[in-house]
């Protein structure tokens, strides 16, 4: 389950100014308009072109659960691209991003320190440069593991090292057993 990628998408979707289409017909009409034809939508959703045409004309109203999930995901991925871009830009330049997580966090440090992993609930405001790195990596197709490593690096710098004011010898932060993860712009 792509926890980090979905979390970043959910944070951006909170910025939408209008709700996405809800009914299968409206969602299908939106995708047909975006992709400029029923054939492209049919290939993307792995259904026949005739099925897409039936949804567009409201001859079919209730999709199968797997098709409904694909339809919802594709509409959300394309909904309000300008609002999405502005939200990412604002987070990457001025606003930053807030990460709220409950996970097992620990770190690698020199001998003699208490680097025991433990469950922590953190709500940390990450500066814009970290938001930019997360969004850029997601746009470049980074895996959830890579996004997790970027988030761990950001938490190391902001939370554990307090932007260079303490714990300068930390080598690595371990971010595992995630129970809760949410991003806010």
Foldseek 3Di string as FASTA:
>chain_A
DLPLLVQLLVQLVVQDPDDFDDWQLSLLVVVCVVVVHLCVVCVQLVHDSVVSVCSVVVVDTDDDPVSSVSSVVVRSVPPPPVSSVVVLVCCQPPQPKKKWWWFFKFFDFDPPDPGDTDTDTDIDGFHNNLSNVLVVCVVVPHGSVVSVQSVQVRCCCCPVCVNPVDDPGTDGMDTDDIPDIHMHD
